[in-house]
Each structure stands twice: as C-alpha cells, then as structure tokens.
Amino acid sequence: MNEIGWDDFEKVELRVGTILSVDEFPEARRPAYKLRVDFGDDIGIRKSSAQITDLYSPVDLVGKQVLAVVNFPAKQIGPFMSECLVTGLVTQSGDVVLAVPDREVANGLRLA
C-alpha cells in the first residue's frame, strides 16, 4: 500500500450527491448505467458512468445518496462524458457496493 500525505488527501473532493436519474448504457464495454447526480447549488448536477448493474436496478438508485469524487477531470467513456466518479467497494465476486452515508445529509457536503 502506498502512503499519501494529508495534503494529498485534502486535494480529493469527495462529496455527497443524490441520484436524480438512471439510464441504461448499452454502448459501455462492461454493463453500466449513466447517472445524473445532484451535488447541490455550489457544484450542481454531474453525470457519471457506473458499473453497478449487478446489485442495483434503476429503481433502487433514484433518490439514493452516494459519495463521489467531483474534482477529477471529465473522462470520455465511449459516447458519454463522465464528470464525477461515484465510489463503491468491490466485493470478492467483483460486484460494486456503493459508498453511501448512513443518514441523509445535504447534497454537496464534503467527506471529512
């Protein structure tokens, strides 16, 4: 494991947002959804591609709060531009379990 300094960690903007919509992403190489996530007034709505189709249906996701990195540069994923990285934990079987707050909080709050 590589150690990082506190200054490095402070550069990562991990923020909470609420998933507004979920669309299928058939053009993705691996099964994925296209998400629209609301991070509040300061950051706004960002798009993300997320490979979470094994454990989550679109109905499960709309309204769910998630933690995401919002200060990575946008990344082109096929025909889709991903603007944030929704975080999760990869299980032994390769499924992704979303990293979520255990209580509802205001969109845009930063992970401390």
PDB file of N, CA and C in Angstrom:
ATOM      1  N   MET A   1       0.847  -1.169   0.000  1.00  0.00           N
ATOM      2  CA  MET A   1       0.000   0.000   0.000  1.00  0.00           C
ATOM      3  C   MET A   1       0.895   1.235   0.000  1.00  0.00           C
ATOM      4  N   ASN A   2       0.575   2.181  -0.880  1.00  0.00           N
ATOM      5  CA  ASN A   2       1.320   3.436  -0.948  1.00  0.00           C
ATOM      6  C   ASN A   2       0.747   4.440   0.037  1.00  0.00           C
ATOM      7  N   GLU A   3       1.624   5.024   0.853  1.00  0.00           N
ATOM      8  CA  GLU A   3       1.176   6.069   1.758  1.00  0.00           C
ATOM      9  C   GLU A   3       1.068   7.389   1.016  1.00  0.00           C
ATOM     10  N   ILE A   4       0.097   8.202   1.437  1.00  0.00           N
ATOM     11  CA  ILE A   4      -0.018   9.561   0.920  1.00  0.00           C
ATOM     12  C   ILE A   4       0.017  10.510   2.108  1.00  0.00           C
ATOM     13  N   GLY A   5       0.343  11.744   1.834  1.00  0.00           N
ATOM     14  CA  GLY A   5       0.344  12.745   2.887  1.00  0.00           C
ATOM     15  C   GLY A   5      -1.038  13.358   3.051  1.00  0.00           C
ATOM     16  N   TRP A   6      -1.234  14.044   4.168  1.00  0.00           N
ATOM     17  CA  TRP A   6      -2.503  14.715   4.430  1.00  0.00           C
ATOM     18  C   TRP A   6      -2.823  15.710   3.322  1.00  0.00           C
ATOM     19  N   ASP A   7      -1.792  16.399   2.822  1.00  0.00           N
ATOM     20  CA  ASP A   7      -2.004  17.365   1.732  1.00  0.00           C
ATOM     21  C   ASP A   7      -2.604  16.693   0.503  1.00  0.00           C
ATOM     22  N   ASP A   8      -2.165  15.464   0.216  1.00  0.00           N
ATOM     23  CA  ASP A   8      -2.716  14.733  -0.929  1.00  0.00           C
ATOM     24  C   ASP A   8      -4.194  14.420  -0.705  1.00  0.00           C
ATOM     25  N   PHE A   9      -4.537  13.951   0.490  1.00  0.00           N
ATOM     26  CA  PHE A   9      -5.927  13.605   0.791  1.00  0.00           C
ATOM     27  C   PHE A   9      -6.829  14.839   0.702  1.00  0.00           C
ATOM     28  N   GLU A  10      -6.329  15.972   1.162  1.00  0.00           N
ATOM     29  CA  GLU A  10      -7.135  17.189   1.143  1.00  0.00           C
ATOM     30  C   GLU A  10      -7.471  17.654  -0.269  1.00  0.00           C
ATOM     31  N   LYS A  11      -6.707  17.212  -1.256  1.00  0.00           N
ATOM     32  CA  LYS A  11      -6.964  17.594  -2.643  1.00  0.00           C
ATOM     33  C   LYS A  11      -8.172  16.870  -3.236  1.00  0.00           C
ATOM     34  N   VAL A  12      -8.531  15.718  -2.672  1.00  0.00           N
ATOM     35  CA  VAL A  12      -9.632  14.917  -3.208  1.00  0.00           C
ATOM     36  C   VAL A  12     -10.952  15.474  -2.676  1.00  0.00           C
ATOM     37  N   GLU A  13     -11.820  15.878  -3.586  1.00  0.00           N
ATOM     38  CA  GLU A  13     -13.138  16.416  -3.236  1.00  0.00           C
ATOM     39  C   GLU A  13     -14.159  15.283  -3.277  1.00  0.00           C
ATOM     40  N   LEU A  14     -14.322  14.592  -2.151  1.00  0.00           N
ATOM     41  CA  LEU A  14     -15.342  13.559  -2.020  1.00  0.00           C
ATOM     42  C   LEU A  14     -16.586  14.223  -1.468  1.00  0.00           C
ATOM     43  N   ARG A  15     -17.644  14.254  -2.273  1.00  0.00           N
ATOM     44  CA  ARG A  15     -18.876  14.956  -1.905  1.00  0.00           C
ATOM     45  C   ARG A  15     -20.065  14.010  -1.999  1.00  0.00           C
ATOM     46  N   VAL A  16     -21.106  14.327  -1.245  1.00  0.00           N
ATOM     47  CA  VAL A  16     -22.336  13.548  -1.304  1.00  0.00           C
ATOM     48  C   VAL A  16     -23.287  14.192  -2.310  1.00  0.00           C
ATOM     49  N   GLY A  17     -23.960  13.336  -3.052  1.00  0.00           N
ATOM     50  CA  GLY A  17     -24.960  13.800  -4.004  1.00  0.00           C
ATOM     51  C   GLY A  17     -26.102  12.809  -4.083  1.00  0.00           C
ATOM     52  N   THR A  18     -27.227  13.277  -4.602  1.00  0.00           N
ATOM     53  CA  THR A  18     -28.413  12.430  -4.754  1.00  0.00           C
ATOM     54  C   THR A  18     -28.608  12.086  -6.223  1.00  0.00           C
ATOM     55  N   ILE A  19     -28.775  10.804  -6.505  1.00  0.00           N
ATOM     56  CA  ILE A  19     -29.000  10.347  -7.878  1.00  0.00           C
ATOM     57  C   ILE A  19     -30.383  10.803  -8.324  1.00  0.00           C
ATOM     58  N   LEU A  20     -30.412  11.584  -9.407  1.00  0.00           N
ATOM     59  CA  LEU A  20     -31.666  12.103  -9.959  1.00  0.00           C
ATOM     60  C   LEU A  20     -32.264  11.190 -11.013  1.00  0.00           C
ATOM     61  N   SER A  21     -31.390  10.611 -11.856  1.00  0.00           N
ATOM     62  CA  SER A  21     -31.890   9.741 -12.924  1.00  0.00           C
ATOM     63  C   SER A  21     -30.844   8.696 -13.271  1.00  0.00           C
ATOM     64  N   VAL A  22     -31.345   7.602 -13.829  1.00  0.00           N
ATOM     65  CA  VAL A  22     -30.502   6.465 -14.216  1.00  0.00           C
ATOM     66  C   VAL A  22     -30.945   6.015 -15.598  1.00  0.00           C
ATOM     67  N   ASP A  23     -29.984   5.922 -16.518  1.00  0.00           N
ATOM     68  CA  ASP A  23     -30.267   5.427 -17.866  1.00  0.00           C
ATOM     69  C   ASP A  23     -29.368   4.236 -18.161  1.00  0.00           C
ATOM     70  N   GLU A  24     -29.888   3.324 -18.942  1.00  0.00           N
ATOM     71  CA  GLU A  24     -29.074   2.204 -19.417  1.00  0.00           C
ATOM     72  C   GLU A  24     -27.920   2.768 -20.258  1.00  0.00           C
ATOM     73  N   PHE A  25     -26.814   2.033 -20.322  1.00  0.00           N
ATOM     74  CA  PHE A  25     -25.648   2.457 -21.098  1.00  0.00           C
ATOM     75  C   PHE A  25     -25.192   1.274 -21.959  1.00  0.00           C
ATOM     76  N   PRO A  26     -25.977   0.932 -23.005  1.00  0.00           N
ATOM     77  CA  PRO A  26     -25.681  -0.260 -23.803  1.00  0.00           C
ATOM     78  C   PRO A  26     -24.363  -0.177 -24.563  1.00  0.00           C
ATOM     79  N   GLU A  27     -23.847   1.040 -24.786  1.00  0.00           N
ATOM     80  CA  GLU A  27     -22.589   1.188 -25.531  1.00  0.00           C
ATOM     81  C   GLU A  27     -21.360   0.890 -24.675  1.00  0.00           C
ATOM     82  N   ALA A  28     -21.515   0.804 -23.369  1.00  0.00           N
ATOM     83  CA  ALA A  28     -20.381   0.540 -22.472  1.00  0.00           C
ATOM     84  C   ALA A  28     -19.817  -0.856 -22.717  1.00  0.00           C
ATOM     85  N   ARG A  29     -18.504  -0.982 -22.568  1.00  0.00           N
ATOM     86  CA  ARG A  29     -17.856  -2.292 -22.746  1.00  0.00           C
ATOM     87  C   ARG A  29     -18.315  -3.288 -21.696  1.00  0.00           C
ATOM     88  N   ARG A  30     -18.442  -2.818 -20.447  1.00  0.00           N
ATOM     89  CA  ARG A  30     -18.968  -3.643 -19.356  1.00  0.00           C
ATOM     90  C   ARG A  30     -20.289  -3.029 -18.920  1.00  0.00           C
ATOM     91  N   PRO A  31     -21.234  -3.842 -18.480  1.00  0.00           N
ATOM     92  CA  PRO A  31     -22.547  -3.300 -18.115  1.00  0.00           C
ATOM     93  C   PRO A  31     -22.432  -2.119 -17.148  1.00  0.00           C
ATOM     94  N   ALA A  32     -23.133  -1.038 -17.465  1.00  0.00           N
ATOM     95  CA  ALA A  32     -23.059   0.189 -16.664  1.00  0.00           C
ATOM     96  C   ALA A  32     -24.345   0.987 -16.829  1.00  0.00           C
ATOM     97  N   TYR A  33     -24.504   1.932 -15.926  1.00  0.00           N
ATOM     98  CA  TYR A  33     -25.576   2.913 -16.015  1.00  0.00           C
ATOM     99  C   TYR A  33     -24.980   4.293 -16.239  1.00  0.00           C
ATOM    100  N   LYS A  34     -25.778   5.175 -16.806  1.00  0.00           N
ATOM    101  CA  LYS A  34     -25.463   6.602 -16.871  1.00  0.00           C
ATOM    102  C   LYS A  34     -26.284   7.279 -15.774  1.00  0.00           C
ATOM    103  N   LEU A  35     -25.602   7.935 -14.858  1.00  0.00           N
ATOM    104  CA  LEU A  35     -26.260   8.571 -13.718  1.00  0.00           C
ATOM    105  C   LEU A  35     -26.194  10.086 -13.844  1.00  0.00           C
ATOM    106  N   ARG A  36     -27.226  10.757 -13.351  1.00  0.00           N
ATOM    107  CA  ARG A  36     -27.211  12.207 -13.138  1.00  0.00           C
ATOM    108  C   ARG A  36     -27.325  12.400 -11.634  1.00  0.00           C
ATOM    109  N   VAL A  37     -26.323  13.098 -11.045  1.00  0.00           N
ATOM    110  CA  VAL A  37     -26.223  13.219  -9.597  1.00  0.00           C
ATOM    111  C   VAL A  37     -26.220  14.698  -9.218  1.00  0.00           C
ATOM    112  N   ASP A  38     -27.070  15.061  -8.258  1.00  0.00           N
ATOM    113  CA  ASP A  38     -27.185  16.441  -7.776  1.00  0.00           C
ATOM    114  C   ASP A  38     -26.283  16.631  -6.567  1.00  0.00           C
ATOM    115  N   PHE A  39     -25.279  17.522  -6.708  1.00  0.00           N
ATOM    116  CA  PHE A  39     -24.350  17.827  -5.627  1.00  0.00           C
ATOM    117  C   PHE A  39     -24.628  19.179  -4.985  1.00  0.00           C
ATOM    118  N   GLY A  40     -25.813  19.716  -5.153  1.00  0.00           N
ATOM    119  CA  GLY A  40     -26.179  20.970  -4.519  1.00  0.00           C
ATOM    120  C   GLY A  40     -25.827  22.176  -5.367  1.00  0.00           C
ATOM    121  N   ASP A  41     -26.148  23.357  -4.822  1.00  0.00           N
ATOM    122  CA  ASP A  41     -26.017  24.607  -5.582  1.00  0.00           C
ATOM    123  C   ASP A  41     -24.588  24.927  -6.004  1.00  0.00           C
ATOM    124  N   ASP A  42     -23.605  24.675  -5.151  1.00  0.00           N
ATOM    125  CA  ASP A  42     -22.228  25.069  -5.475  1.00  0.00           C
ATOM    126  C   ASP A  42     -21.616  24.235  -6.604  1.00  0.00           C
ATOM    127  N   ILE A  43     -21.929  22.956  -6.651  1.00  0.00           N
ATOM    128  CA  ILE A  43     -21.330  22.054  -7.643  1.00  0.00           C
ATOM    129  C   ILE A  43     -22.296  21.770  -8.784  1.00  0.00           C
ATOM    130  N   GLY A  44     -23.565  21.629  -8.458  1.00  0.00           N
ATOM    131  CA  GLY A  44     -24.579  21.378  -9.476  1.00  0.00           C
ATOM    132  C   GLY A  44     -24.754  19.905  -9.783  1.00  0.00           C
ATOM    133  N   ILE A  45     -25.292  19.634 -10.955  1.00  0.00           N
ATOM    134  CA  ILE A  45     -25.579  18.268 -11.394  1.00  0.00           C
ATOM    135  C   ILE A  45     -24.427  17.783 -12.263  1.00  0.00           C
ATOM    136  N   ARG A  46     -23.947  16.589 -11.948  1.00  0.00           N
ATOM    137  CA  ARG A  46     -22.858  15.963 -12.707  1.00  0.00           C
ATOM    138  C   ARG A  46     -23.326  14.615 -13.229  1.00  0.00           C
ATOM    139  N   LYS A  47     -22.711  14.185 -14.339  1.00  0.00           N
ATOM    140  CA  LYS A  47     -23.002  12.881 -14.936  1.00  0.00           C
ATOM    141  C   LYS A  47     -21.885  11.904 -14.578  1.00  0.00           C
ATOM    142  N   SER A  48     -22.249  10.632 -14.454  1.00  0.00           N
ATOM    143  CA  SER A  48     -21.258   9.597 -14.168  1.00  0.00           C
ATOM    144  C   SER A  48     -21.676   8.288 -14.809  1.00  0.00           C
ATOM    145  N   SER A  49     -20.701   7.536 -15.259  1.00  0.00           N
ATOM    146  CA  SER A  49     -20.925   6.168 -15.697  1.00  0.00           C
ATOM    147  C   SER A  49     -20.551   5.265 -14.523  1.00  0.00           C
ATOM    148  N   ALA A  50     -21.427   4.330 -14.182  1.00  0.00           N
ATOM    149  CA  ALA A  50     -21.171   3.477 -13.019  1.00  0.00           C
ATOM    150  C   ALA A  50     -21.472   2.021 -13.344  1.00  0.00           C
ATOM    151  N   GLN A  51     -20.493   1.158 -13.077  1.00  0.00           N
ATOM    152  CA  GLN A  51     -20.633  -0.281 -13.318  1.00  0.00           C
ATOM    153  C   GLN A  51     -21.223  -0.931 -12.066  1.00  0.00           C
ATOM    154  N   ILE A  52     -22.505  -0.687 -11.848  1.00  0.00           N
ATOM    155  CA  ILE A  52     -23.178  -1.151 -10.638  1.00  0.00           C
ATOM    156  C   ILE A  52     -24.446  -1.932 -10.968  1.00  0.00           C
ATOM    157  N   THR A  53     -24.524  -2.455 -12.181  1.00  0.00           N
ATOM    158  CA  THR A  53     -25.763  -3.098 -12.641  1.00  0.00           C
ATOM    159  C   THR A  53     -26.019  -4.447 -11.968  1.00  0.00           C
ATOM    160  N   ASP A  54     -25.005  -5.087 -11.422  1.00  0.00           N
ATOM    161  CA  ASP A  54     -25.199  -6.403 -10.813  1.00  0.00           C
ATOM    162  C   ASP A  54     -26.019  -6.340  -9.530  1.00  0.00           C
ATOM    163  N   LEU A  55     -25.832  -5.281  -8.742  1.00  0.00           N
ATOM    164  CA  LEU A  55     -26.504  -5.201  -7.446  1.00  0.00           C
ATOM    165  C   LEU A  55     -27.629  -4.177  -7.373  1.00  0.00           C
ATOM    166  N   TYR A  56     -27.713  -3.283  -8.368  1.00  0.00           N
ATOM    167  CA  TYR A  56     -28.679  -2.190  -8.295  1.00  0.00           C
ATOM    168  C   TYR A  56     -29.487  -2.086  -9.586  1.00  0.00           C
ATOM    169  N   SER A  57     -30.782  -1.860  -9.425  1.00  0.00           N
ATOM    170  CA  SER A  57     -31.639  -1.557 -10.570  1.00  0.00           C
ATOM    171  C   SER A  57     -31.845  -0.049 -10.600  1.00  0.00           C
ATOM    172  N   PRO A  58     -32.259   0.501 -11.734  1.00  0.00           N
ATOM    173  CA  PRO A  58     -32.523   1.940 -11.789  1.00  0.00           C
ATOM    174  C   PRO A  58     -33.498   2.406 -10.709  1.00  0.00           C
ATOM    175  N   VAL A  59     -34.508   1.612 -10.423  1.00  0.00           N
ATOM    176  CA  VAL A  59     -35.486   1.982  -9.398  1.00  0.00           C
ATOM    177  C   VAL A  59     -34.828   2.082  -8.021  1.00  0.00           C
ATOM    178  N   ASP A  60     -33.855   1.183  -7.733  1.00  0.00           N
ATOM    179  CA  ASP A  60     -33.138   1.220  -6.452  1.00  0.00           C
ATOM    180  C   ASP A  60     -32.313   2.492  -6.302  1.00  0.00           C
ATOM    181  N   LEU A  61     -31.853   3.043  -7.413  1.00  0.00           N
ATOM    182  CA  LEU A  61     -30.854   4.108  -7.371  1.00  0.00           C
ATOM    183  C   LEU A  61     -31.422   5.518  -7.313  1.00  0.00           C
ATOM    184  N   VAL A  62     -32.538   5.773  -7.964  1.00  0.00           N
ATOM    185  CA  VAL A  62     -33.095   7.131  -7.981  1.00  0.00           C
ATOM    186  C   VAL A  62     -33.455   7.540  -6.555  1.00  0.00           C
ATOM    187  N   GLY A  63     -32.906   8.685  -6.133  1.00  0.00           N
ATOM    188  CA  GLY A  63     -33.134   9.184  -4.784  1.00  0.00           C
ATOM    189  C   GLY A  63     -32.075   8.764  -3.779  1.00  0.00           C
ATOM    190  N   LYS A  64     -31.194   7.849  -4.158  1.00  0.00           N
ATOM    191  CA  LYS A  64     -30.138   7.373  -3.259  1.00  0.00           C
ATOM    192  C   LYS A  64     -29.001   8.383  -3.217  1.00  0.00           C
ATOM    193  N   GLN A  65     -28.494   8.642  -2.011  1.00  0.00           N
ATOM    194  CA  GLN A  65     -27.313   9.488  -1.879  1.00  0.00           C
ATOM    195  C   GLN A  65     -26.059   8.635  -2.006  1.00  0.00           C
ATOM    196  N   VAL A  66     -25.039   9.179  -2.678  1.00  0.00           N
ATOM    197  CA  VAL A  66     -23.786   8.477  -2.910  1.00  0.00           C
ATOM    198  C   VAL A  66     -22.621   9.424  -2.658  1.00  0.00           C
ATOM    199  N   LEU A  67     -21.453   8.844  -2.430  1.00  0.00           N
ATOM    200  CA  LEU A  67     -20.220   9.621  -2.323  1.00  0.00           C
ATOM    201  C   LEU A  67     -19.497   9.556  -3.655  1.00  0.00           C
ATOM    202  N   ALA A  68     -19.013  10.703  -4.112  1.00  0.00           N
ATOM    203  CA  ALA A  68     -18.340  10.749  -5.411  1.00  0.00           C
ATOM    204  C   ALA A  68     -17.182  11.739  -5.368  1.00  0.00           C
ATOM    205  N   VAL A  69     -16.170  11.459  -6.173  1.00  0.00           N
ATOM    206  CA  VAL A  69     -15.074  12.404  -6.380  1.00  0.00           C
ATOM    207  C   VAL A  69     -15.533  13.375  -7.459  1.00  0.00           C
ATOM    208  N   VAL A  70     -15.551  14.665  -7.129  1.00  0.00           N
ATOM    209  CA  VAL A  70     -16.081  15.653  -8.072  1.00  0.00           C
ATOM    210  C   VAL A  70     -14.996  16.532  -8.693  1.00  0.00           C
ATOM    211  N   ASN A  71     -13.727  16.312  -8.335  1.00  0.00           N
ATOM    212  CA  ASN A  71     -12.684  17.168  -8.902  1.00  0.00           C
ATOM    213  C   ASN A  71     -11.690  16.421  -9.791  1.00  0.00           C
ATOM    214  N   PHE A  72     -12.078  15.265 -10.312  1.00  0.00           N
ATOM    215  CA  PHE A  72     -11.315  14.642 -11.390  1.00  0.00           C
ATOM    216  C   PHE A  72     -11.672  15.351 -12.685  1.00  0.00           C
ATOM    217  N   PRO A  73     -10.776  15.357 -13.664  1.00  0.00           N
ATOM    218  CA  PRO A  73     -11.180  15.895 -14.972  1.00  0.00           C
ATOM    219  C   PRO A  73     -12.236  14.988 -15.602  1.00  0.00           C
ATOM    220  N   ALA A  74     -13.084  15.547 -16.431  1.00  0.00           N
ATOM    221  CA  ALA A  74     -14.086  14.756 -17.142  1.00  0.00           C
ATOM    222  C   ALA A  74     -13.397  13.674 -17.955  1.00  0.00           C
ATOM    223  N   LYS A  75     -14.066  12.519 -18.095  1.00  0.00           N
ATOM    224  CA  LYS A  75     -13.477  11.388 -18.811  1.00  0.00           C
ATOM    225  C   LYS A  75     -14.476  10.876 -19.839  1.00  0.00           C
ATOM    226  N   GLN A  76     -14.013  10.752 -21.074  1.00  0.00           N
ATOM    227  CA  GLN A  76     -14.843  10.222 -22.152  1.00  0.00           C
ATOM    228  C   GLN A  76     -14.923   8.708 -22.015  1.00  0.00           C
ATOM    229  N   ILE A  77     -16.136   8.185 -21.916  1.00  0.00           N
ATOM    230  CA  ILE A  77     -16.366   6.740 -21.843  1.00  0.00           C
ATOM    231  C   ILE A  77     -17.297   6.406 -22.995  1.00  0.00           C
ATOM    232  N   GLY A  78     -16.711   5.958 -24.100  1.00  0.00           N
ATOM    233  CA  GLY A  78     -17.494   5.727 -25.310  1.00  0.00           C
ATOM    234  C   GLY A  78     -18.133   7.036 -25.730  1.00  0.00           C
ATOM    235  N   PRO A  79     -19.445   7.042 -25.968  1.00  0.00           N
ATOM    236  CA  PRO A  79     -20.116   8.267 -26.405  1.00  0.00           C
ATOM    237  C   PRO A  79     -20.544   9.169 -25.235  1.00  0.00           C
ATOM    238  N   PHE A  80     -20.132   8.832 -24.005  1.00  0.00           N
ATOM    239  CA  PHE A  80     -20.607   9.512 -22.802  1.00  0.00           C
ATOM    240  C   PHE A  80     -19.447  10.206 -22.086  1.00  0.00           C
ATOM    241  N   MET A  81     -19.680  11.434 -21.615  1.00  0.00           N
ATOM    242  CA  MET A  81     -18.671  12.175 -20.857  1.00  0.00           C
ATOM    243  C   MET A  81     -19.008  12.075 -19.370  1.00  0.00           C
ATOM    244  N   SER A  82     -18.165  11.369 -18.616  1.00  0.00           N
ATOM    245  CA  SER A  82     -18.357  11.209 -17.184  1.00  0.00           C
ATOM    246  C   SER A  82     -17.689  12.371 -16.465  1.00  0.00           C
ATOM    247  N   GLU A  83     -18.429  13.024 -15.548  1.00  0.00           N
ATOM    248  CA  GLU A  83     -17.963  14.243 -14.896  1.00  0.00           C
ATOM    249  C   GLU A  83     -17.638  14.064 -13.416  1.00  0.00           C
ATOM    250  N   CYS A  84     -17.864  12.869 -12.875  1.00  0.00           N
ATOM    251  CA  CYS A  84     -17.511  12.581 -11.488  1.00  0.00           C
ATOM    252  C   CYS A  84     -17.348  11.070 -11.353  1.00  0.00           C
ATOM    253  N   LEU A  85     -16.739  10.649 -10.260  1.00  0.00           N
ATOM    254  CA  LEU A  85     -16.521   9.225 -10.014  1.00  0.00           C
ATOM    255  C   LEU A  85     -17.321   8.814  -8.783  1.00  0.00           C
ATOM    256  N   VAL A  86     -18.397   8.065  -8.998  1.00  0.00           N
ATOM    257  CA  VAL A  86     -19.189   7.530  -7.895  1.00  0.00           C
ATOM    258  C   VAL A  86     -18.364   6.405  -7.271  1.00  0.00           C
ATOM    259  N   THR A  87     -18.261   6.414  -5.939  1.00  0.00           N
ATOM    260  CA  THR A  87     -17.387   5.461  -5.259  1.00  0.00           C
ATOM    261  C   THR A  87     -18.152   4.252  -4.751  1.00  0.00           C
ATOM    262  N   GLY A  88     -17.432   3.156  -4.622  1.00  0.00           N
ATOM    263  CA  GLY A  88     -18.003   1.926  -4.103  1.00  0.00           C
ATOM    264  C   GLY A  88     -16.904   0.975  -3.685  1.00  0.00           C
ATOM    265  N   LEU A  89     -17.320  -0.129  -3.140  1.00  0.00           N
ATOM    266  CA  LEU A  89     -16.411  -1.163  -2.653  1.00  0.00           C
ATOM    267  C   LEU A  89     -16.597  -2.401  -3.516  1.00  0.00           C
ATOM    268  N   VAL A  90     -15.491  -2.946  -4.013  1.00  0.00           N
ATOM    269  CA  VAL A  90     -15.549  -4.108  -4.896  1.00  0.00           C
ATOM    270  C   VAL A  90     -15.488  -5.371  -4.041  1.00  0.00           C
ATOM    271  N   THR A  91     -16.517  -6.213  -4.166  1.00  0.00           N
ATOM    272  CA  THR A  91     -16.574  -7.460  -3.413  1.00  0.00           C
ATOM    273  C   THR A  91     -15.661  -8.507  -4.061  1.00  0.00           C
ATOM    274  N   GLN A  92     -15.498  -9.637  -3.381  1.00  0.00           N
ATOM    275  CA  GLN A  92     -14.670 -10.720  -3.922  1.00  0.00           C
ATOM    276  C   GLN A  92     -15.186 -11.222  -5.260  1.00  0.00           C
ATOM    277  N   SER A  93     -16.488 -11.132  -5.473  1.00  0.00           N
ATOM    278  CA  SER A  93     -17.072 -11.600  -6.741  1.00  0.00           C
ATOM    279  C   SER A  93     -17.009 -10.538  -7.835  1.00  0.00           C
ATOM    280  N   GLY A  94     -16.514  -9.322  -7.497  1.00  0.00           N
ATOM    281  CA  GLY A  94     -16.381  -8.272  -8.491  1.00  0.00           C
ATOM    282  C   GLY A  94     -17.546  -7.303  -8.554  1.00  0.00           C
ATOM    283  N   ASP A  95     -18.579  -7.532  -7.752  1.00  0.00           N
ATOM    284  CA  ASP A  95     -19.709  -6.604  -7.696  1.00  0.00           C
ATOM    285  C   ASP A  95     -19.292  -5.347  -6.945  1.00  0.00           C
ATOM    286  N   VAL A  96     -19.938  -4.212  -7.264  1.00  0.00           N
ATOM    287  CA  VAL A  96     -19.635  -2.955  -6.597  1.00  0.00           C
ATOM    288  C   VAL A  96     -20.786  -2.583  -5.671  1.00  0.00           C
ATOM    289  N   VAL A  97     -20.442  -2.392  -4.377  1.00  0.00           N
ATOM    290  CA  VAL A  97     -21.389  -1.917  -3.375  1.00  0.00           C
ATOM    291  C   VAL A  97     -21.124  -0.430  -3.194  1.00  0.00           C
ATOM    292  N   LEU A  98     -22.125   0.390  -3.414  1.00  0.00           N
ATOM    293  CA  LEU A  98     -21.942   1.839  -3.343  1.00  0.00           C
ATOM    294  C   LEU A  98     -21.535   2.317  -1.952  1.00  0.00           C
ATOM    295  N   ALA A  99     -20.666   3.332  -1.916  1.00  0.00           N
ATOM    296  CA  ALA A  99     -20.315   4.012  -0.668  1.00  0.00           C
ATOM    297  C   ALA A  99     -21.371   5.096  -0.457  1.00  0.00           C
ATOM    298  N   VAL A 100     -22.113   4.993   0.637  1.00  0.00           N
ATOM    299  CA  VAL A 100     -23.232   5.894   0.887  1.00  0.00           C
ATOM    300  C   VAL A 100     -23.208   6.364   2.342  1.00  0.00           C
ATOM    301  N   PRO A 101     -23.760   7.567   2.614  1.00  0.00           N
ATOM    302  CA  PRO A 101     -23.900   7.978   4.009  1.00  0.00           C
ATOM    303  C   PRO A 101     -25.001   7.140   4.671  1.00  0.00           C
ATOM    304  N   ASP A 102     -24.881   6.919   5.981  1.00  0.00           N
ATOM    305  CA  ASP A 102     -25.905   6.115   6.651  1.00  0.00           C
ATOM    306  C   ASP A 102     -27.105   6.943   7.097  1.00  0.00           C
ATOM    307  N   ARG A 103     -27.017   8.268   6.910  1.00  0.00           N
ATOM    308  CA  ARG A 103     -28.143   9.166   7.149  1.00  0.00           C
ATOM    309  C   ARG A 103     -28.182  10.184   6.030  1.00  0.00           C
ATOM    310  N   GLU A 104     -29.378  10.680   5.733  1.00  0.00           N
ATOM    311  CA  GLU A 104     -29.491  11.698   4.689  1.00  0.00           C
ATOM    312  C   GLU A 104     -28.834  12.981   5.166  1.00  0.00           C
ATOM    313  N   VAL A 105     -28.045  13.569   4.277  1.00  0.00           N
ATOM    314  CA  VAL A 105     -27.366  14.838   4.554  1.00  0.00           C
ATOM    315  C   VAL A 105     -27.556  15.768   3.355  1.00  0.00           C
ATOM    316  N   ALA A 106     -27.155  17.012   3.514  1.00  0.00           N
ATOM    317  CA  ALA A 106     -27.301  17.975   2.429  1.00  0.00           C
ATOM    318  C   ALA A 106     -26.384  17.626   1.265  1.00  0.00           C
ATOM    319  N   ASN A 107     -26.917  17.702   0.043  1.00  0.00           N
ATOM    320  CA  ASN A 107     -26.093  17.476  -1.144  1.00  0.00           C
ATOM    321  C   ASN A 107     -24.932  18.455  -1.159  1.00  0.00           C
ATOM    322  N   GLY A 108     -23.763  17.953  -1.532  1.00  0.00           N
ATOM    323  CA  GLY A 108     -22.573  18.791  -1.634  1.00  0.00           C
ATOM    324  C   GLY A 108     -21.667  18.721  -0.431  1.00  0.00           C
ATOM    325  N   LEU A 109     -22.132  18.136   0.695  1.00  0.00           N
ATOM    326  CA  LEU A 109     -21.258  18.064   1.856  1.00  0.00           C
ATOM    327  C   LEU A 109     -20.007  17.260   1.514  1.00  0.00           C
ATOM    328  N   ARG A 110     -18.895  17.699   2.075  1.00  0.00           N
ATOM    329  CA  ARG A 110     -17.608  17.050   1.797  1.00  0.00           C
ATOM    330  C   ARG A 110     -17.295  16.011   2.859  1.00  0.00           C
ATOM    331  N   LEU A 111     -16.744  14.891   2.415  1.00  0.00           N
ATOM    332  CA  LEU A 111     -16.307  13.853   3.335  1.00  0.00           C
ATOM    333  C   LEU A 111     -15.170  14.425   4.187  1.00  0.00           C
ATOM    334  N   ALA A 112     -15.286  14.242   5.500  1.00  0.00           N
ATOM    335  CA  ALA A 112     -14.270  14.777   6.418  1.00  0.00           C
ATOM    336  C   ALA A 112     -13.357  13.677   6.894  1.00  0.00           C
TER     337      ALA A 112
END
